[in-house]
Amino acid sequence: MAVAMKGVPGPLPPANPAGWPRRSSTGSNFDPKPSPLMTINRPINLYPLTNYTFGAKEPLFEKDPSVPARFQRMRDEFDKIGMRRSVEGVLLVHEHGLPNVLLLQLGTTFFKLPGGELNPGEDEVEGLKRLLTETLGRQDGVKQDWLIEDTIGNWWRPNFEPPLYPYIPPHITKPKEHRRLFLVQLAEKDRGKGIFDHG
């Protein structure tokens, strides 16, 4: 597994403070009124990619050999523990004056955000710290102190199928997966042998 970069094409459009999509409160526990925390405008510190070094680790592989196997495992687990909860970290750097998102590369054509499935009852932030340490953490025994910032996205899987949506469709009462994305604030510089132990 390697850490790869994908460039963000220019500035993001301003967030809609009214939220999207609008849903009626009838039959839903969704509150369309924005949270005060969601409307805070504050800077995010981005540091150059050259501030970080990357080591090497054994490659990691997906748990499932195929997409149908992944959804069969999800179906089996849903019967036992209910909706799958997943977390992913968004790690930002800048390179050539543009913000870049660090991604993990699996194989030659698949890229993903670092993170994964939470254990039953596991706290989201602590679970993300565990997953980041497992996939990106240093192997020299130095404890990595991940700074997990804001929730920047929520995705819902309504069925045992690939599509994810940024909302729960109105006709879905039992979503199969909730995937939450968090901003991970990187330190200004790595300390020692590298912030990431991957190559």
Protein backbone atom coordinates (compact mmCIF):
# COMPACT_ATOMS: atom_id res chain seq x y z
CA MET A 1 0.00 0.00 0.00
CA ALA A 2 1.28 3.43 -0.82
CA VAL A 3 0.20 6.92 0.01
CA ALA A 4 -0.79 8.74 -3.16
CA MET A 5 -1.98 12.24 -3.85
CA LYS A 6 -4.88 13.48 -5.87
CA GLY A 7 -5.15 17.20 -6.52
CA VAL A 8 -8.25 19.15 -5.62
CA PRO A 9 -9.36 21.11 -8.71
CA GLY A 10 -9.51 24.66 -7.36
CA PRO A 11 -11.48 26.16 -4.50
CA LEU A 12 -14.60 24.47 -3.23
CA PRO A 13 -17.92 26.27 -3.61
CA PRO A 14 -19.27 27.97 -0.47
CA ALA A 15 -21.36 25.74 1.77
CA ASN A 16 -25.11 26.21 1.75
CA PRO A 17 -25.95 27.22 5.35
CA ALA A 18 -29.49 25.95 4.89
CA GLY A 19 -28.20 22.43 4.33
CA TRP A 20 -28.83 19.99 1.53
CA PRO A 21 -31.00 18.20 0.71
CA ARG A 22 -34.05 19.71 2.34
CA ARG A 23 -36.39 17.12 3.80
CA SER A 24 -39.64 17.54 5.59
CA SER A 25 -39.64 16.69 9.26
CA THR A 26 -42.64 14.42 8.73
CA GLY A 27 -41.57 10.86 9.48
CA SER A 28 -37.96 11.86 9.92
CA ASN A 29 -35.70 12.78 12.81
CA PHE A 30 -33.63 14.99 10.48
CA ASP A 31 -33.44 18.62 11.61
CA PRO A 32 -32.98 20.90 8.56
CA LYS A 33 -31.89 23.81 10.80
CA PRO A 34 -28.08 24.10 10.61
CA SER A 35 -26.01 23.55 13.71
CA PRO A 36 -24.05 26.64 14.83
CA LEU A 37 -20.90 24.50 14.68
CA MET A 38 -21.52 23.73 11.01
CA THR A 39 -21.54 27.40 10.04
CA ILE A 40 -18.26 28.41 11.67
CA ASN A 41 -15.79 29.80 9.16
CA ARG A 42 -12.23 29.10 10.24
CA PRO A 43 -8.91 28.45 8.52
CA ILE A 44 -7.38 25.02 8.07
CA ASN A 45 -3.61 24.73 8.28
CA LEU A 46 -2.08 23.11 5.19
CA TYR A 47 1.63 22.38 5.11
CA PRO A 48 3.87 21.45 2.17
CA LEU A 49 4.15 17.78 1.28
CA THR A 50 7.93 18.19 1.57
CA ASN A 51 7.50 18.64 5.35
CA TYR A 52 6.75 14.91 5.62
CA THR A 53 8.66 11.74 4.95
CA PHE A 54 7.28 8.34 4.07
CA GLY A 55 8.63 4.98 5.17
CA ALA A 56 7.71 1.45 4.07
CA LYS A 57 5.38 -1.20 5.48
CA GLU A 58 4.00 -4.50 4.33
CA PRO A 59 1.17 -3.93 1.85
CA LEU A 60 -2.37 -4.03 3.20
CA PHE A 61 -5.16 -5.72 1.32
CA GLU A 62 -8.92 -5.46 1.34
CA LYS A 63 -10.69 -7.90 3.68
CA ASP A 64 -12.82 -9.25 0.86
CA PRO A 65 -11.60 -10.78 -2.41
CA SER A 66 -14.42 -9.25 -4.47
CA VAL A 67 -17.24 -6.71 -4.35
CA PRO A 68 -19.94 -9.43 -4.07
CA ALA A 69 -18.00 -10.97 -1.15
CA ARG A 70 -17.85 -7.57 0.58
CA PHE A 71 -21.61 -7.12 0.35
CA GLN A 72 -22.24 -10.70 1.48
CA ARG A 73 -20.10 -10.04 4.57
CA MET A 74 -21.99 -6.78 5.14
CA ARG A 75 -25.31 -8.65 4.89
CA ASP A 76 -24.12 -11.32 7.37
CA GLU A 77 -22.86 -8.69 9.83
CA PHE A 78 -26.03 -6.61 9.48
CA ASP A 79 -28.08 -9.56 10.75
CA LYS A 80 -25.81 -9.80 13.82
CA ILE A 81 -24.79 -6.23 14.74
CA GLY A 82 -26.91 -3.93 12.59
CA MET A 83 -25.73 -1.00 10.51
CA ARG A 84 -22.03 -0.87 9.71
CA ARG A 85 -20.26 2.26 10.96
CA SER A 86 -17.18 3.37 9.05
CA VAL A 87 -14.86 6.35 9.43
CA GLU A 88 -12.34 7.89 7.06
CA GLY A 89 -9.72 10.58 7.53
CA VAL A 90 -9.10 13.43 5.12
CA LEU A 91 -5.43 14.47 5.35
CA LEU A 92 -4.55 17.64 3.44
CA VAL A 93 -1.18 18.98 2.32
CA HIS A 94 -0.20 21.43 -0.38
CA GLU A 95 2.05 20.85 -3.36
CA HIS A 96 2.78 23.34 -6.16
CA GLY A 97 0.41 25.84 -4.54
CA LEU A 98 -2.60 23.49 -4.66
CA PRO A 99 -4.28 21.56 -1.85
CA ASN A 100 -3.89 17.79 -2.15
CA VAL A 101 -5.69 14.97 -0.39
CA LEU A 102 -3.51 12.05 0.70
CA LEU A 103 -4.97 8.73 -0.41
CA LEU A 104 -3.96 5.11 0.04
CA GLN A 105 -3.31 3.14 -3.11
CA LEU A 106 -4.37 -0.50 -3.22
CA GLY A 107 -3.10 -2.32 -6.27
CA THR A 108 -2.56 -0.24 -9.37
CA THR A 109 -5.94 1.40 -9.91
CA PHE A 110 -7.76 1.73 -6.58
CA PHE A 111 -7.38 4.72 -4.25
CA LYS A 112 -9.13 5.30 -0.93
CA LEU A 113 -9.10 7.52 2.12
CA PRO A 114 -7.43 6.01 5.20
CA GLY A 115 -9.89 4.55 7.67
CA GLY A 116 -12.24 1.61 7.83
CA GLU A 117 -14.89 -0.16 9.83
CA LEU A 118 -15.47 0.57 13.51
CA ASN A 119 -15.80 -2.19 16.07
CA PRO A 120 -19.24 -2.53 17.69
CA GLY A 121 -19.65 0.22 20.32
CA GLU A 122 -16.35 1.91 19.40
CA ASP A 123 -16.19 5.72 19.56
CA GLU A 124 -15.80 7.26 16.09
CA VAL A 125 -12.82 9.49 16.89
CA GLU A 126 -10.97 6.81 18.87
CA GLY A 127 -11.74 4.28 16.15
CA LEU A 128 -10.35 6.57 13.46
CA LYS A 129 -7.18 7.12 15.51
CA ARG A 130 -6.81 3.33 15.82
CA LEU A 131 -7.32 2.81 12.09
CA LEU A 132 -4.90 5.61 11.14
CA THR A 133 -2.25 4.14 13.43
CA GLU A 134 -2.78 0.65 11.96
CA THR A 135 -2.49 1.82 8.37
CA LEU A 136 -0.20 4.87 8.54
CA GLY A 137 1.41 4.63 11.97
CA ARG A 138 5.09 4.44 12.66
CA GLN A 139 6.70 1.09 13.40
CA ASP A 140 9.49 2.44 15.60
CA GLY A 141 7.26 2.50 18.68
CA VAL A 142 6.77 6.28 18.72
CA LYS A 143 3.15 7.03 19.58
CA GLN A 144 1.34 8.99 16.90
CA ASP A 145 -0.95 11.70 18.24
CA TRP A 146 -3.62 12.19 15.58
CA LEU A 147 -5.56 15.45 15.77
CA ILE A 148 -9.06 14.68 14.54
CA GLU A 149 -10.91 17.88 13.69
CA ASP A 150 -14.40 18.37 12.32
CA THR A 151 -16.82 16.02 10.65
CA ILE A 152 -16.72 17.09 7.01
CA GLY A 153 -19.04 14.54 5.45
CA ASN A 154 -21.60 11.83 6.05
CA TRP A 155 -22.45 9.12 3.54
CA TRP A 156 -25.19 6.53 3.80
CA ARG A 157 -25.55 3.17 2.08
CA PRO A 158 -29.27 2.37 1.83
CA ASN A 159 -28.88 -1.19 0.48
CA PHE A 160 -26.30 -3.94 0.13
CA GLU A 161 -25.07 -2.30 -3.07
CA PRO A 162 -22.22 0.08 -4.01
CA PRO A 163 -24.07 3.44 -4.16
CA LEU A 164 -23.59 5.82 -1.23
CA TYR A 165 -25.60 9.01 -0.72
CA PRO A 166 -24.93 12.16 1.35
CA TYR A 167 -28.37 11.69 2.94
CA ILE A 168 -30.72 8.88 3.91
CA PRO A 169 -33.28 8.44 1.12
CA PRO A 170 -36.79 9.09 2.48
CA HIS A 171 -38.00 5.53 1.84
CA ILE A 172 -35.10 3.90 3.74
CA THR A 173 -35.73 3.09 7.41
CA LYS A 174 -32.69 0.88 8.05
CA PRO A 175 -29.56 2.06 6.22
CA LYS A 176 -26.89 -0.61 5.88
CA GLU A 177 -23.85 1.62 6.45
CA HIS A 178 -23.00 5.08 7.78
CA ARG A 179 -19.63 6.41 6.66
CA ARG A 180 -18.37 9.57 8.39
CA LEU A 181 -15.45 11.63 7.09
CA PHE A 182 -13.27 13.63 9.47
CA LEU A 183 -10.66 16.28 8.79
CA VAL A 184 -7.31 15.18 10.26
CA GLN A 185 -5.02 18.12 11.05
CA LEU A 186 -1.42 17.18 10.31
CA ALA A 187 1.45 18.52 12.39
CA GLU A 188 3.50 21.26 10.72
CA LYS A 189 6.49 18.92 10.35
CA ASP A 190 7.09 15.28 11.04
CA ARG A 191 9.14 14.53 14.10
CA GLY A 192 11.87 11.98 13.62
CA LYS A 193 11.59 9.14 11.12
CA GLY A 194 8.43 10.27 9.38
CA ILE A 195 4.79 10.89 10.10
CA PHE A 196 3.73 8.08 7.79
CA ASP A 197 5.31 4.66 7.80
CA HIS A 198 4.33 3.71 4.28
CA GLY A 199 6.04 3.81 0.94
